[in-house]
Amino acid sequence: MRKKIPWFLVLGVSLFLGLVAATASRGAEEEMASPHFRLQRIADGVWAAIATPGGFAVCNMGIIDLGGEVVLFDSGANPDAARDLAAAAQRLTGRAPTKLVYSHEHPDHVFGAAGLAQDIEVIATAKTRDGMIDDAKDLAQTISLYARRLPVYQLQERWETEAGKIGQARLWRGYVEAIGRLGAGYSVRLPTRLIDGDSLKLTGSRRSLVLKVLSGHTDSDIIAVLPEERIVFTGDLLFVRHQPFLGDSPGSERLLQALEALDAEKALHYVPGHGEVSGPESIDAMRQYVIRLRSLVAEAIRSGADADWLVSRGIFVPYSDWWFSRFFADNVRFLYKEQEPLKAK
């Protein structure tokens, strides 16, 4: 007769093996250190790559192991960042990435893809593809301009002494350098698969990933939803403790509707385009930012004050310590253009 193993030994072995696995995962993440991002494990087989100020990622990215397929979410601003992301995915999952999702067309999310393997499937919307094609018309001039501007940003980074602004100076230098170092022969990598409709489900042996098409930051934004794990990669529909950029938005109301859609996912973890992984409270913080700024602009318009006057008043509390402070003026002017026609009616 086989002797029964005591329950406490079984439990002890299980706990030990779990600890070994968790330690190995953390060790792998630490060994995959990159100057462009830091890895944050959100669930088993799901990682956020949080952009490091001064690195070439600039935006947050993601690694999702579906089981048999490994998906990257966004590619950063430079191929160096994307190559590091792919290497991290290989080390963490044992597989090379097979799919890449573009959340939207902006350079800090798509320019890195040129550094990835040629056989990777690149998923986006038709509007994102068309926007990339349009932006590429002036790409050589843009790269040249950023290369010429780089010494100024390097000087600003060295001279900045205010504690709250040192990191931002480093971030902007990294962004300008990421674009400026692309070189004259660089070309954007266009999507190879377009989402037909408002969603696409990717299924592997471990989990499913649902790509949903919204709009708010741009005319076409993709979010990546892991329903079972209650995780959402939001792209730039969500900024956490960063001023959002409204300049390419189809309208503040559309952005607010997109934030409602994010909230409706009831996720525990939201990976924003910029900022730290957060919970649903970050959605409300950004919603209140848009509502309050829109209200201030409406009041200023009624009183006869122009956009320059409101910008000169400075960023209002509690948003004065949010990063991307230079977007405040852009956002004020965007909302002026949006609301001034309403005044004439």
Protein backbone atom coordinates (compact mmCIF):
# COMPACT_ATOMS: atom_id res chain seq x y z
CA MET A 1 0.00 0.00 0.00
CA ARG A 2 1.35 3.43 -1.03
CA LYS A 3 2.01 5.67 1.92
CA LYS A 4 -0.03 8.88 1.80
CA ILE A 5 2.07 12.04 1.67
CA PRO A 6 1.15 14.47 4.49
CA TRP A 7 -0.88 17.47 3.30
CA PHE A 8 1.53 19.95 4.84
CA LEU A 9 4.40 18.54 2.77
CA VAL A 10 2.36 18.86 -0.43
CA LEU A 11 1.43 22.44 0.48
CA GLY A 12 5.03 23.27 1.36
CA VAL A 13 6.36 21.92 -1.94
CA SER A 14 3.68 23.82 -3.89
CA LEU A 15 4.52 27.06 -2.12
CA PHE A 16 8.23 26.51 -2.68
CA LEU A 17 7.78 25.83 -6.40
CA GLY A 18 5.54 28.88 -6.72
CA LEU A 19 8.16 31.01 -5.02
CA VAL A 20 10.88 29.63 -7.30
CA ALA A 21 8.79 30.41 -10.39
CA ALA A 22 8.00 33.94 -9.19
CA THR A 23 11.66 34.56 -8.30
CA ALA A 24 12.77 33.27 -11.72
CA SER A 25 10.27 35.59 -13.43
CA ARG A 26 11.48 38.59 -11.43
CA GLY A 27 15.06 37.62 -12.16
CA ALA A 28 14.38 37.43 -15.88
CA GLU A 29 12.75 40.86 -15.77
CA GLU A 30 15.73 42.33 -13.95
CA GLU A 31 18.18 40.74 -16.38
CA MET A 32 16.24 42.25 -19.29
CA ALA A 33 16.96 45.78 -18.09
CA SER A 34 16.80 48.31 -20.92
CA PRO A 35 17.69 52.02 -20.99
CA HIS A 36 14.39 52.55 -22.79
CA PHE A 37 11.86 50.98 -20.40
CA ARG A 38 11.39 48.96 -17.24
CA LEU A 39 9.28 45.83 -17.18
CA GLN A 40 6.33 45.47 -14.82
CA ARG A 41 4.61 42.11 -14.52
CA ILE A 42 0.85 42.65 -14.25
CA ALA A 43 -0.28 39.03 -14.48
CA ASP A 44 1.19 35.68 -15.42
CA GLY A 45 2.33 36.16 -19.02
CA VAL A 46 1.44 39.85 -19.19
CA TRP A 47 3.94 42.68 -18.81
CA ALA A 48 3.89 46.45 -19.20
CA ALA A 49 7.05 48.12 -20.48
CA ILE A 50 7.01 51.51 -18.79
CA ALA A 51 8.95 54.14 -20.71
CA THR A 52 12.09 55.43 -18.99
CA PRO A 53 12.67 59.21 -19.18
CA GLY A 54 15.52 59.79 -21.60
CA GLY A 55 15.06 56.44 -23.34
CA PHE A 56 13.83 55.87 -26.87
CA ALA A 57 10.53 54.16 -26.03
CA VAL A 58 8.84 57.42 -24.91
CA CYS A 59 5.45 55.65 -24.74
CA ASN A 60 4.51 52.63 -22.65
CA MET A 61 4.39 49.28 -24.43
CA GLY A 62 3.21 45.78 -23.63
CA ILE A 63 4.06 42.08 -23.91
CA ILE A 64 1.18 39.59 -23.90
CA ASP A 65 1.75 35.83 -24.05
CA LEU A 66 -1.43 34.35 -25.54
CA GLY A 67 0.01 30.84 -25.61
CA GLY A 68 1.47 29.95 -28.98
CA GLU A 69 1.42 33.65 -29.92
CA VAL A 70 3.23 36.59 -28.35
CA VAL A 71 1.74 40.03 -28.93
CA LEU A 72 3.50 43.38 -28.55
CA PHE A 73 1.41 46.47 -27.92
CA ASP A 74 3.04 49.52 -29.53
CA SER A 75 6.71 49.74 -30.50
CA GLY A 76 8.14 52.98 -29.09
CA ALA A 77 9.76 55.88 -30.92
CA ASN A 78 12.92 54.21 -32.16
CA PRO A 79 13.94 50.73 -33.38
CA ASP A 80 16.40 50.35 -30.48
CA ALA A 81 13.49 50.35 -28.02
CA ALA A 82 11.49 47.87 -30.10
CA ARG A 83 14.46 45.50 -30.41
CA ASP A 84 14.88 45.52 -26.63
CA LEU A 85 11.14 44.86 -26.22
CA ALA A 86 11.28 41.90 -28.61
CA ALA A 87 14.35 40.51 -26.81
CA ALA A 88 12.53 40.83 -23.48
CA ALA A 89 9.50 39.03 -24.89
CA GLN A 90 11.73 36.20 -26.16
CA ARG A 91 13.42 35.83 -22.79
CA LEU A 92 10.22 36.02 -20.74
CA THR A 93 7.99 33.79 -22.88
CA GLY A 94 10.47 31.59 -24.72
CA ARG A 95 8.99 32.75 -28.04
CA ALA A 96 9.73 35.54 -30.48
CA PRO A 97 6.89 38.05 -30.86
CA THR A 98 4.47 37.12 -33.63
CA LYS A 99 2.14 40.13 -33.64
CA LEU A 100 2.41 43.87 -33.06
CA VAL A 101 -0.55 46.16 -32.41
CA TYR A 102 -0.40 49.89 -33.15
CA SER A 103 -2.66 51.78 -30.76
CA HIS A 104 -2.61 54.81 -33.10
CA GLU A 105 -0.43 56.62 -35.63
CA HIS A 106 1.76 58.89 -33.49
CA PRO A 107 5.54 58.49 -33.91
CA ASP A 108 6.31 57.49 -30.33
CA HIS A 109 4.04 54.45 -30.79
CA VAL A 110 4.95 53.26 -34.29
CA PHE A 111 8.46 54.35 -35.29
CA GLY A 112 10.13 51.55 -33.32
CA ALA A 113 8.56 48.80 -35.43
CA ALA A 114 11.28 49.05 -38.07
CA GLY A 115 13.55 47.22 -35.61
CA LEU A 116 11.36 44.11 -35.39
CA ALA A 117 11.54 40.88 -37.38
CA GLN A 118 10.17 41.10 -40.91
CA ASP A 119 7.69 38.25 -40.42
CA ILE A 120 5.84 39.86 -37.51
CA GLU A 121 2.19 40.67 -38.25
CA VAL A 122 1.43 44.36 -37.68
CA ILE A 123 -2.19 45.10 -36.76
CA ALA A 124 -3.87 48.51 -36.93
CA THR A 125 -6.88 50.29 -38.37
CA ALA A 126 -7.18 51.70 -41.88
CA LYS A 127 -7.30 55.22 -40.45
CA THR A 128 -4.06 54.63 -38.56
CA ARG A 129 -2.42 53.29 -41.73
CA ASP A 130 -3.63 56.28 -43.75
CA GLY A 131 -2.39 58.67 -41.09
CA MET A 132 1.03 57.04 -41.12
CA ILE A 133 1.22 57.29 -44.91
CA ASP A 134 0.30 60.96 -44.74
CA ASP A 135 2.84 61.68 -41.98
CA ALA A 136 5.57 59.87 -43.94
CA LYS A 137 5.42 62.47 -46.70
CA ASP A 138 7.42 64.87 -44.54
CA LEU A 139 9.36 62.24 -42.61
CA ALA A 140 12.83 63.08 -43.93
CA GLN A 141 12.37 66.75 -43.03
CA THR A 142 11.03 65.81 -39.59
CA ILE A 143 14.02 63.58 -38.82
CA SER A 144 16.42 66.28 -40.01
CA LEU A 145 14.66 68.93 -37.90
CA TYR A 146 14.84 66.81 -34.75
CA ALA A 147 18.50 66.04 -35.37
CA ARG A 148 19.24 69.78 -35.59
CA ARG A 149 17.23 70.48 -32.43
CA LEU A 150 18.92 67.78 -30.35
CA PRO A 151 21.84 69.92 -29.05
CA VAL A 152 19.35 72.44 -27.66
CA TYR A 153 17.45 69.73 -25.79
CA GLN A 154 20.70 68.25 -24.51
CA LEU A 155 21.66 71.68 -23.19
CA GLN A 156 18.28 72.10 -21.51
CA GLU A 157 18.66 68.74 -19.83
CA ARG A 158 22.11 69.64 -18.47
CA TRP A 159 21.05 73.05 -17.24
CA GLU A 160 17.75 72.10 -15.62
CA THR A 161 18.09 72.28 -11.83
CA GLU A 162 14.49 72.30 -10.61
CA ALA A 163 13.79 68.86 -9.16
CA GLY A 164 10.30 68.56 -10.65
CA LYS A 165 11.51 69.41 -14.15
CA ILE A 166 14.73 67.41 -14.48
CA GLY A 167 12.88 64.23 -15.44
CA GLN A 168 10.74 66.06 -18.00
CA ALA A 169 13.81 67.64 -19.59
CA ARG A 170 15.37 64.18 -19.83
CA LEU A 171 12.17 62.77 -21.36
CA TRP A 172 11.95 65.43 -24.08
CA ARG A 173 15.64 65.07 -24.91
CA GLY A 174 15.06 61.32 -25.28
CA TYR A 175 12.11 61.87 -27.60
CA VAL A 176 13.97 64.32 -29.84
CA GLU A 177 17.03 62.06 -29.92
CA ALA A 178 14.92 58.97 -30.69
CA ILE A 179 13.52 60.66 -33.81
CA GLY A 180 16.66 62.57 -34.78
CA ARG A 181 18.80 59.43 -34.80
CA LEU A 182 16.54 57.49 -37.19
CA GLY A 183 18.67 58.59 -40.12
CA ALA A 184 17.95 59.63 -43.69
CA GLY A 185 17.13 56.12 -44.92
CA TYR A 186 14.47 55.40 -42.33
CA SER A 187 10.96 54.43 -43.43
CA VAL A 188 7.87 53.69 -41.35
CA ARG A 189 6.56 50.15 -41.11
CA LEU A 190 2.96 50.05 -42.26
CA PRO A 191 0.36 47.61 -40.91
CA THR A 192 0.00 44.25 -42.64
CA ARG A 193 -3.43 43.48 -41.16
CA LEU A 194 -6.30 45.93 -40.80
CA ILE A 195 -9.13 45.53 -38.32
CA ASP A 196 -12.38 45.20 -40.22
CA GLY A 197 -15.08 46.52 -37.91
CA ASP A 198 -14.89 47.70 -34.33
CA SER A 199 -13.05 44.74 -32.75
CA LEU A 200 -10.74 41.79 -33.34
CA LYS A 201 -10.27 38.81 -31.05
CA LEU A 202 -6.89 37.09 -30.86
CA THR A 203 -6.95 33.67 -29.19
CA GLY A 204 -4.12 31.49 -27.96
CA SER A 205 -3.86 28.40 -25.79
CA ARG A 206 -3.56 30.46 -22.58
CA ARG A 207 -5.89 33.43 -23.09
CA SER A 208 -7.76 35.68 -25.47
CA LEU A 209 -7.01 39.31 -26.27
CA VAL A 210 -9.74 41.59 -27.63
CA LEU A 211 -8.69 44.61 -29.67
CA LYS A 212 -11.37 47.31 -29.64
CA VAL A 213 -11.51 50.36 -31.89
CA LEU A 214 -12.42 53.67 -30.25
CA SER A 215 -11.67 57.31 -30.98
CA GLY A 216 -10.79 60.21 -28.72
CA HIS A 217 -7.06 60.78 -28.70
CA THR A 218 -7.10 60.49 -32.51
CA ASP A 219 -9.75 59.54 -35.07
CA SER A 220 -8.81 55.90 -34.53
CA ASP A 221 -7.48 54.37 -31.32
CA ILE A 222 -7.09 50.70 -30.43
CA ILE A 223 -7.25 49.38 -26.89
CA ALA A 224 -6.22 45.84 -25.96
CA VAL A 225 -8.47 44.11 -23.43
CA LEU A 226 -7.69 40.96 -21.43
CA PRO A 227 -11.17 40.13 -20.07
CA GLU A 228 -10.20 37.31 -17.72
CA GLU A 229 -7.28 39.17 -16.16
CA ARG A 230 -9.19 42.50 -16.20
CA ILE A 231 -6.29 44.34 -17.81
CA VAL A 232 -6.56 47.04 -20.48
CA PHE A 233 -3.74 48.54 -22.55
CA THR A 234 -5.20 51.93 -23.42
CA GLY A 235 -2.68 53.64 -25.68
CA ASP A 236 -3.00 57.42 -25.42
CA LEU A 237 -6.69 57.39 -24.59
CA LEU A 238 -5.41 57.47 -21.02
CA PHE A 239 -2.56 59.52 -19.53
CA VAL A 240 -1.75 59.04 -15.84
CA ARG A 241 -0.43 62.14 -14.05
CA HIS A 242 0.55 63.53 -17.46
CA GLN A 243 -1.19 66.32 -19.33
CA PRO A 244 -3.02 64.58 -22.19
CA PHE A 245 -2.50 65.82 -25.73
CA LEU A 246 -5.78 66.96 -27.28
CA GLY A 247 -4.38 68.41 -30.49
CA ASP A 248 -5.33 65.46 -32.74
CA SER A 249 -8.56 64.59 -30.95
CA PRO A 250 -11.82 64.43 -32.94
CA GLY A 251 -13.31 66.46 -30.08
CA SER A 252 -13.36 66.68 -26.31
CA GLU A 253 -16.79 65.04 -26.18
CA ARG A 254 -15.49 62.04 -28.14
CA LEU A 255 -12.56 61.79 -25.74
CA LEU A 256 -14.91 61.80 -22.75
CA GLN A 257 -16.97 59.07 -24.41
CA ALA A 258 -13.80 57.01 -24.90
CA LEU A 259 -12.94 57.42 -21.22
CA GLU A 260 -16.44 56.17 -20.37
CA ALA A 261 -15.78 53.14 -22.58
CA LEU A 262 -12.52 52.46 -20.72
CA ASP A 263 -14.33 52.73 -17.39
CA ALA A 264 -17.00 50.32 -18.63
CA GLU A 265 -14.35 47.60 -19.03
CA LYS A 266 -14.25 47.39 -15.21
CA ALA A 267 -10.57 46.52 -15.33
CA LEU A 268 -8.33 46.28 -12.30
CA HIS A 269 -5.24 47.43 -14.20
CA TYR A 270 -5.04 50.07 -16.92
CA VAL A 271 -1.75 50.46 -18.78
CA PRO A 272 -1.76 54.06 -20.08
CA GLY A 273 0.13 55.43 -23.04
CA HIS A 274 2.12 57.58 -20.60
CA GLY A 275 2.43 57.28 -16.84
CA GLU A 276 2.24 54.42 -14.37
CA VAL A 277 -0.06 51.40 -14.44
CA SER A 278 -3.12 52.41 -12.49
CA GLY A 279 -6.68 51.55 -11.53
CA PRO A 280 -9.99 53.09 -12.59
CA GLU A 281 -9.31 56.19 -10.48
CA SER A 282 -6.90 57.37 -13.17
CA ILE A 283 -9.74 57.46 -15.69
CA ASP A 284 -11.74 59.78 -13.45
CA ALA A 285 -8.69 62.02 -12.92
CA MET A 286 -8.26 62.51 -16.67
CA ARG A 287 -12.01 62.95 -17.15
CA GLN A 288 -12.05 65.72 -14.54
CA TYR A 289 -9.05 67.38 -16.20
CA VAL A 290 -10.87 67.59 -19.54
CA ILE A 291 -14.14 68.76 -17.97
CA ARG A 292 -12.51 71.41 -15.80
CA LEU A 293 -10.29 72.77 -18.56
CA ARG A 294 -13.23 72.88 -20.95
CA SER A 295 -15.25 74.78 -18.34
CA LEU A 296 -12.44 77.29 -17.81
CA VAL A 297 -12.15 77.88 -21.53
CA ALA A 298 -15.90 78.41 -21.87
CA GLU A 299 -15.84 80.93 -19.02
CA ALA A 300 -12.88 82.77 -20.54
CA ILE A 301 -14.60 82.95 -23.92
CA ARG A 302 -17.76 84.37 -22.35
CA SER A 303 -15.72 87.02 -20.57
CA GLY A 304 -13.92 88.04 -23.78
CA ALA A 305 -10.47 86.72 -22.76
CA ASP A 306 -8.37 85.11 -25.45
CA ALA A 307 -6.42 81.84 -25.31
CA ASP A 308 -3.09 83.57 -24.62
CA TRP A 309 -4.56 85.16 -21.49
CA LEU A 310 -5.71 81.80 -20.13
CA VAL A 311 -2.38 80.15 -20.95
CA SER A 312 -0.57 82.98 -19.13
CA ARG A 313 -2.49 82.15 -15.95
CA GLY A 314 -0.57 78.88 -15.76
CA ILE A 315 -1.62 75.30 -15.12
CA PHE A 316 -4.26 75.11 -12.43
CA VAL A 317 -4.13 72.92 -9.31
CA PRO A 318 -4.18 69.92 -8.97
CA TYR A 319 -2.62 69.44 -12.41
CA SER A 320 0.36 71.76 -12.03
CA ASP A 321 2.71 68.89 -11.18
CA TRP A 322 1.59 66.61 -13.99
CA TRP A 323 4.22 65.86 -16.64
CA PHE A 324 3.94 67.03 -20.26
CA SER A 325 3.28 70.54 -18.96
CA ARG A 326 3.94 71.98 -22.43
CA PHE A 327 0.71 70.33 -23.64
CA PHE A 328 -1.36 72.66 -21.45
CA ALA A 329 -1.09 75.57 -23.90
CA ASP A 330 -1.88 73.28 -26.85
CA ASN A 331 -4.93 71.95 -25.03
CA VAL A 332 -6.22 75.41 -24.17
CA ARG A 333 -5.93 76.52 -27.80
CA PHE A 334 -7.59 73.33 -29.04
CA LEU A 335 -10.56 73.88 -26.75
CA TYR A 336 -10.80 77.54 -27.80
CA LYS A 337 -11.09 76.48 -31.43
CA GLU A 338 -13.67 73.88 -30.46
CA GLN A 339 -15.84 76.20 -28.36
CA GLU A 340 -15.59 79.61 -30.03
CA PRO A 341 -17.93 78.58 -32.90
CA LEU A 342 -20.52 77.59 -30.28
CA LYS A 343 -20.45 81.13 -28.88
CA ALA A 344 -21.46 82.58 -32.25
CA LYS A 345 -24.58 80.43 -32.43
